[in-house]
Protein backbone atom coordinates (compact mmCIF):
# COMPACT_ATOMS: atom_id res chain seq x y z
CA MET A 1 -16.02 4.89 7.81
CA ARG A 2 -18.52 7.22 6.31
CA ARG A 3 -16.59 10.04 7.89
CA LEU A 4 -13.30 9.17 6.81
CA ALA A 5 -14.24 8.22 3.28
CA VAL A 6 -15.96 11.88 3.06
CA PHE A 7 -12.67 13.23 4.33
CA VAL A 8 -10.54 11.32 1.57
CA GLU A 9 -13.28 12.54 -1.06
CA GLU A 10 -13.11 15.97 0.07
CA GLU A 11 -9.32 16.10 0.31
CA THR A 12 -8.60 14.52 -3.07
CA GLY A 13 -11.46 16.22 -4.93
CA ARG A 14 -12.87 12.83 -6.17
CA ARG A 15 -15.56 10.46 -5.36
CA PHE A 16 -15.48 6.80 -4.72
CA LEU A 17 -16.80 4.96 -7.78
CA ARG A 18 -17.93 2.02 -5.67
CA PRO A 19 -18.06 1.14 -1.91
CA VAL A 20 -14.90 0.12 -0.36
CA VAL A 21 -15.06 -2.66 2.32
CA VAL A 22 -12.67 -2.37 5.55
CA GLU A 23 -11.77 -5.66 7.12
CA GLN A 24 -10.28 -5.46 10.54
CA GLU A 25 -8.09 -8.38 11.70
CA GLY A 26 -6.22 -9.37 14.70
CA ASP A 27 -2.45 -9.79 14.83
CA GLU A 28 -1.98 -13.22 13.73
CA SER A 29 -4.89 -13.10 11.02
CA PHE A 30 -3.49 -10.02 9.54
CA ARG A 31 0.04 -11.21 9.63
CA ARG A 32 -1.15 -14.15 7.79
CA ARG A 33 -3.09 -12.50 5.13
CA LEU A 34 -0.29 -9.99 4.36
CA LEU A 35 2.24 -12.69 3.94
CA GLU A 36 -0.02 -14.52 1.48
CA GLU A 37 0.14 -11.45 -0.70
CA PHE A 38 4.07 -11.30 0.05
CA ARG A 39 4.77 -14.73 -1.50
CA GLU A 40 4.16 -13.76 -5.00
CA ASP A 41 7.17 -11.49 -5.01
CA GLU A 42 9.59 -13.97 -3.16
CA GLN A 43 11.62 -15.02 -6.31
CA ASP A 44 12.24 -11.65 -7.42
CA LEU A 45 13.36 -10.71 -3.96
CA ARG A 46 15.87 -13.47 -3.89
CA THR A 47 17.06 -12.24 -7.07
CA ASP A 48 17.35 -8.97 -5.54
CA GLY A 49 19.33 -10.12 -2.46
CA ARG A 50 22.12 -11.59 -4.76
CA LEU A 51 22.74 -8.28 -6.30
CA LEU A 52 22.99 -6.69 -2.61
CA GLN A 53 25.38 -9.34 -1.50
CA ALA A 54 27.48 -9.05 -4.43
CA LEU A 55 27.74 -5.28 -3.69
CA GLY A 56 28.52 -6.06 -0.10
CA MET A 57 25.11 -4.05 0.91
CA ILE A 58 23.70 -6.94 2.93
CA PRO A 59 25.96 -9.51 4.81
CA PRO A 60 26.66 -12.83 2.92
CA GLY A 61 23.98 -15.72 3.81
CA THR A 62 21.53 -13.02 4.34
CA ASP A 63 18.02 -14.65 3.84
CA VAL A 64 16.10 -11.32 2.28
CA VAL A 65 12.74 -13.05 2.01
CA GLU A 66 12.85 -14.15 5.73
CA ALA A 67 14.38 -10.51 6.77
CA LEU A 68 11.78 -8.80 4.88
CA ARG A 69 8.78 -11.28 6.14
CA ASP A 70 9.95 -10.47 9.71
CA LEU A 71 10.02 -6.36 8.96
CA LEU A 72 6.79 -6.29 7.11
CA GLY A 73 5.03 -8.52 9.63
CA PHE A 74 6.02 -6.00 12.28
CA GLY A 75 5.77 -2.78 10.45
CA VAL A 76 2.62 -2.91 8.17
CA VAL A 77 -0.51 -2.24 10.14
CA GLY A 78 -2.65 -2.07 6.84
CA PHE A 79 -2.78 -2.70 3.33
CA TYR A 80 -4.77 -2.35 0.18
CA ASP A 81 -4.47 -5.09 -2.37
CA PRO A 82 -5.53 -3.62 -5.87
CA GLU A 83 -5.68 -6.83 -7.58
CA SER A 84 -8.57 -8.10 -5.08
CA ASP A 85 -9.77 -4.71 -3.90
CA GLU A 86 -9.19 -6.08 -0.32
CA LEU A 87 -8.36 -3.29 2.20
CA VAL A 88 -7.39 -4.86 5.57
CA VAL A 89 -6.13 -3.17 8.64
CA ARG A 90 -4.43 -4.75 11.61
CA GLY A 91 -6.34 -3.93 14.67
CA GLU A 92 -9.90 -4.87 16.02
CA ARG A 93 -10.31 -1.62 18.21
CA ASP A 94 -11.55 1.75 17.08
CA THR A 95 -8.61 4.27 17.78
CA PRO A 96 -7.10 7.20 16.18
CA PHE A 97 -4.00 4.85 14.85
CA VAL A 98 -6.46 2.63 13.33
CA ARG A 99 -8.36 5.31 11.89
CA SER A 100 -5.18 6.74 10.62
CA THR A 101 -4.42 3.63 8.85
CA ILE A 102 -7.60 3.33 7.42
CA VAL A 103 -7.46 6.76 5.91
CA HIS A 104 -4.14 6.05 4.12
CA GLU A 105 -5.50 2.79 2.66
CA LEU A 106 -8.61 4.44 1.77
CA VAL A 107 -6.46 6.68 -0.42
CA HIS A 108 -5.14 3.93 -2.14
CA ALA A 109 -8.58 2.52 -2.93
CA LEU A 110 -9.57 5.61 -4.26
CA ASP A 111 -6.55 6.14 -6.55
CA ASP A 112 -6.99 2.48 -7.66
CA GLN A 113 -10.57 3.28 -8.79
CA TRP A 114 -9.69 6.34 -10.62
CA PHE A 115 -5.85 5.64 -11.97
CA ASP A 116 -5.74 1.83 -11.53
CA LEU A 117 -2.80 0.78 -9.40
CA ASP A 118 -2.86 -2.65 -10.61
CA ARG A 119 0.02 -2.38 -13.19
CA SER A 120 1.86 -5.63 -13.04
CA GLU A 121 3.54 -5.02 -16.09
CA LEU A 122 5.62 -2.36 -14.62
CA ASP A 123 7.23 -5.11 -12.37
CA ASP A 124 8.50 -6.95 -15.55
CA LEU A 125 10.18 -3.77 -16.95
CA PRO A 126 14.07 -3.68 -16.57
CA ASP A 127 13.77 0.37 -15.42
CA GLU A 128 12.33 1.95 -11.93
CA SER A 129 8.70 2.49 -13.02
CA ALA A 130 7.41 0.18 -10.57
CA PHE A 131 9.30 2.19 -7.79
CA GLY A 132 8.19 5.44 -9.47
CA LEU A 133 4.32 4.43 -9.23
CA SER A 134 4.73 3.18 -5.63
CA ALA A 135 6.24 6.53 -4.72
CA VAL A 136 3.41 8.42 -6.34
CA ALA A 137 0.79 6.08 -4.67
CA GLU A 138 2.63 5.96 -1.14
CA GLY A 139 3.27 9.90 -1.20
CA HIS A 140 -0.40 10.75 -2.07
CA ALA A 141 -1.83 8.38 0.50
CA ARG A 142 0.61 9.66 3.17
CA THR A 143 -0.05 13.50 2.17
CA ILE A 144 -3.77 12.94 2.73
CA GLU A 145 -3.43 10.93 6.02
CA GLU A 146 -1.17 13.66 7.28
CA ARG A 147 -3.85 16.13 6.69
CA TRP A 148 -6.37 13.96 8.55
CA LYS A 149 -3.82 13.87 11.51
CA ARG A 150 -3.92 17.75 11.69
CA THR A 151 -7.84 17.49 12.42
CA LEU A 152 -7.31 15.61 15.69
CA SER A 153 -7.33 17.19 18.92
CA PRO A 154 -4.11 17.09 21.07
CA SER A 155 -5.32 14.35 23.15
CA GLU A 156 -6.25 12.51 20.10
CA ARG A 157 -2.92 12.97 18.58
CA ALA A 158 -1.22 12.11 21.71
CA ARG A 159 -3.17 8.85 21.87
CA LEU A 160 -2.35 8.08 18.22
CA GLU A 161 1.66 8.47 18.82
CA LEU A 162 1.43 6.48 21.93
CA GLU A 163 -0.19 3.78 20.41
CA GLU A 164 2.29 3.73 17.35
CA LEU A 165 5.40 3.79 19.64
CA SER A 166 4.07 0.99 22.10
CA MET A 167 3.93 -1.37 19.37
CA PRO A 168 5.93 -4.47 20.40
CA VAL A 169 9.09 -5.05 18.38
CA PRO A 170 10.07 -8.54 18.02
CA PRO A 171 13.85 -9.46 18.23
CA GLU A 172 14.29 -10.60 15.12
CA VAL A 173 13.39 -7.16 13.51
CA PHE A 174 16.56 -5.78 14.78
CA ASP A 175 18.95 -8.33 12.63
CA VAL A 176 17.14 -6.89 9.23
CA PRO A 177 19.69 -5.32 7.34
CA PRO A 178 19.35 -1.44 7.39
CA ILE A 179 19.33 -1.25 3.72
CA LEU A 180 16.19 -3.24 3.40
CA VAL A 181 14.52 -1.00 5.95
CA ARG A 182 15.51 1.77 3.99
CA LEU A 183 14.31 0.34 0.60
CA VAL A 184 10.92 -0.33 2.12
CA LEU A 185 10.59 3.20 3.44
CA ALA A 186 11.83 5.08 0.36
CA PRO A 187 8.55 5.12 -1.59
CA TYR A 188 6.83 6.79 1.42
CA GLU A 189 9.68 9.18 2.22
CA LEU A 190 10.47 10.51 -1.16
CA GLY A 191 6.95 10.07 -2.42
CA GLU A 192 5.50 12.38 0.20
CA ARG A 193 8.05 15.17 -1.09
CA PHE A 194 7.34 14.13 -4.80
CA VAL A 195 3.64 14.42 -4.58
CA SER A 196 3.83 18.04 -2.64
CA GLU A 197 6.15 19.45 -5.50
CA VAL A 198 4.00 17.96 -8.35
CA ALA A 199 0.64 19.34 -6.77
CA SER A 200 2.10 22.82 -6.29
CA GLU A 201 3.12 22.94 -10.14
CA PRO A 202 0.67 24.50 -12.52
CA LYS A 203 1.49 22.82 -15.57
CA CYS A 204 0.75 19.23 -14.16
CA GLY A 205 -0.71 17.51 -10.93
CA VAL A 206 -0.80 14.18 -9.16
CA GLU A 207 -3.26 12.65 -11.58
CA ASP A 208 -0.49 13.26 -14.42
CA ALA A 209 2.14 11.51 -11.97
CA PHE A 210 -0.55 8.49 -11.82
CA ALA A 211 -0.99 8.46 -15.58
CA VAL A 212 2.86 8.59 -16.59
CA PRO A 213 4.90 7.64 -13.35
CA PRO A 214 8.36 8.50 -13.24
CA ASP A 215 10.39 5.63 -14.37
CA THR A 216 13.66 6.58 -12.63
CA SER A 217 14.38 7.36 -9.14
CA ALA A 218 16.18 10.33 -10.08
CA GLU A 219 12.90 11.85 -10.96
CA VAL A 220 11.46 10.84 -7.48
CA ILE A 221 14.36 12.36 -5.66
CA ASP A 222 14.31 15.59 -7.80
CA PRO A 223 10.71 16.10 -9.14
CA GLN A 224 11.81 18.95 -11.34
CA LEU A 225 13.50 16.38 -13.34
CA TRP A 226 10.09 14.42 -14.00
CA ILE A 227 8.27 18.12 -14.61
CA ASP A 228 10.88 18.71 -17.22
CA GLY A 229 10.46 15.54 -18.88
CA PHE A 230 13.76 14.10 -17.96
CA GLU A 231 14.87 11.14 -20.18
CA PRO A 232 18.11 8.84 -18.90
CA LEU A 233 20.66 8.16 -21.41
CA LYS A 234 20.56 4.78 -22.78
CA VAL A 235 23.52 2.69 -21.81
CA PRO A 236 24.38 -0.35 -23.56
CA LYS A 237 24.25 -3.64 -21.70
CA PRO A 238 27.81 -4.59 -20.37
CA GLU A 239 29.21 -7.89 -20.97
CA ALA A 240 28.62 -10.82 -18.56
CA GLU A 241 31.22 -13.47 -17.87
CA GLY A 242 28.82 -16.34 -17.00
CA ARG A 243 24.95 -17.35 -16.78
CA VAL A 244 22.94 -14.09 -16.49
CA VAL A 245 20.67 -14.07 -13.63
CA ASP A 246 19.36 -10.40 -13.73
CA GLU A 247 19.92 -6.97 -15.70
CA GLY A 248 18.35 -3.59 -15.63
CA VAL A 249 18.69 -0.24 -14.12
CA PHE A 250 20.73 0.31 -10.90
CA GLY A 251 19.43 3.74 -10.40
CA GLU A 252 20.24 7.09 -8.70
CA LEU A 253 18.69 6.08 -5.26
CA MET A 254 20.79 2.85 -5.09
CA LEU A 255 24.00 4.60 -6.06
CA GLY A 256 23.51 7.03 -3.22
CA TYR A 257 23.09 4.19 -0.83
CA LEU A 258 26.22 2.13 -2.41
CA LEU A 259 28.48 5.50 -1.82
CA GLU A 260 27.61 6.10 1.73
CA GLY A 261 30.67 5.81 4.03
CA VAL A 262 33.15 6.29 1.06
CA THR A 263 32.34 10.00 0.29
CA SER A 264 31.00 12.72 2.57
CA GLN A 265 28.23 13.76 -0.03
CA PRO A 266 26.89 10.57 -1.41
CA ARG A 267 23.76 12.10 -2.56
CA GLU A 268 25.44 14.97 -4.25
CA VAL A 269 27.72 12.47 -5.98
CA ALA A 270 24.84 10.21 -7.17
CA SER A 271 22.79 13.34 -8.48
CA GLY A 272 25.28 13.25 -11.31
CA TRP A 273 23.63 10.05 -12.49
CA ALA A 274 22.25 10.22 -15.88
CA GLY A 275 21.59 6.67 -16.62
CA ASP A 276 23.03 3.22 -16.25
CA TRP A 277 22.66 -0.54 -17.05
CA TYR A 278 23.83 -3.53 -14.93
CA VAL A 279 24.07 -7.20 -15.47
CA ALA A 280 24.49 -9.95 -12.82
CA TRP A 281 25.80 -13.52 -13.44
CA GLU A 282 26.72 -16.38 -11.50
CA ARG A 283 30.36 -17.57 -11.03
CA GLY A 284 30.93 -20.65 -9.04
CA GLY A 285 28.91 -20.15 -5.79
CA GLU A 286 28.82 -16.71 -6.01
CA THR A 287 27.08 -13.72 -7.97
CA CYS A 288 28.96 -11.09 -9.70
CA VAL A 289 27.49 -7.72 -10.87
CA ARG A 290 28.71 -5.20 -13.77
CA ILE A 291 27.36 -1.72 -13.76
CA ASP A 292 28.05 0.80 -16.46
CA PHE A 293 27.37 4.51 -15.32
CA ALA A 294 26.52 7.42 -17.21
CA THR A 295 26.84 10.98 -15.75
CA ASP A 296 25.56 14.48 -16.57
CA GLY A 297 28.97 16.03 -16.67
CA SER A 298 32.69 14.85 -16.05
CA PRO A 299 32.77 11.29 -14.91
CA ARG A 300 35.87 11.96 -12.61
CA THR A 301 33.85 12.75 -9.58
CA LEU A 302 31.91 9.32 -9.78
CA THR A 303 35.11 7.40 -10.59
CA ALA A 304 36.88 8.83 -7.59
CA ALA A 305 33.93 7.94 -5.42
CA LEU A 306 33.34 4.26 -6.67
CA GLY A 307 37.21 3.96 -6.50
CA SER A 308 37.19 4.56 -2.73
CA TRP A 309 34.31 2.16 -2.51
CA ALA A 310 36.37 -0.34 -4.51
CA ASP A 311 39.31 0.03 -2.18
CA GLN A 312 37.07 -1.30 0.75
CA HIS A 313 36.04 -4.45 -1.54
CA PRO A 314 38.93 -6.71 -2.61
CA ASP A 315 37.08 -8.27 -5.36
CA ALA A 316 35.87 -5.10 -6.98
CA THR A 317 37.16 -2.83 -9.80
CA VAL A 318 36.31 0.55 -11.29
CA GLN A 319 37.25 1.54 -14.96
CA PRO A 320 36.54 4.31 -17.28
CA ARG A 321 34.91 3.35 -20.37
CA PRO A 322 34.26 4.76 -23.94
CA GLY A 323 31.60 7.42 -24.22
CA GLY A 324 32.40 8.79 -20.64
CA LEU A 325 31.09 5.82 -18.75
CA VAL A 326 32.10 4.66 -15.71
CA ARG A 327 32.27 0.81 -15.03
CA LEU A 328 31.80 -0.95 -11.72
CA THR A 329 32.46 -4.81 -11.33
CA ALA A 330 32.17 -6.55 -8.05
CA CYS A 331 31.61 -10.15 -6.96
CA GLY A 332 30.43 -11.70 -3.63
């Protein structure tokens, strides 16, 4: 532990302000503690699930909470809780894989002591600030973890990879909709690149990203936007046709996922995103969603791509709106 903590301090250039206690748990005990933390978000996740079903991104009747419980129970091997300062790792043996996990979570603990990762107020904002902070935190932890892995000998590295690959996969994990897997992984994969580009920028650094995290997924995808001070266009709330159950920013990340399968270049089309606002409401036993998108140029490309998507979804429409907006409405 002392060696790993010193490594994290040297790589980040910061000292721990107070000791961190690492708890190692067996599989069942770890899973129980992890899912206790997970329960706090269940209601919000069910609302997100209704939005994903309305857009046909997950199959009808999918229990998002249960699916994520299965996924996290298998895939998460360690967690740091900034509310309680608990750092818990799955695995009771001392192996390269366990040590790699500890390094990752120690970075979270150090960042929390310096920058405060417990910002529950971001979860209540209708933008993507919570995703932005998560991307910065996971990207930074993954960056330091990868540096630690490069210090291993070839045999230790092989042992780590073998242990990671040999984790038994419960059959229910294969039933988790792919979009949920991608959303869980997005802060890690996009965050690592974001942190790398920000760290190489002379006029800012990782500490600036923690102080003012990106509030759009567009900035996480293209870090130069955040560096340049990108501000999305303010899009008025579209009208709902029933009791509103959710509203906020849909974002470039989700738009890119939505367009996969209907255009050969979904990310290029989505990169024209300049702002949006969605509203979801109940209609009988189903949920409807309406999104008004703004683009940074001609809306024709986005209109065409969303039109191709709507052709595959009978209860969906795409309309041009005043001010160059593109409106998507879907129920399901």
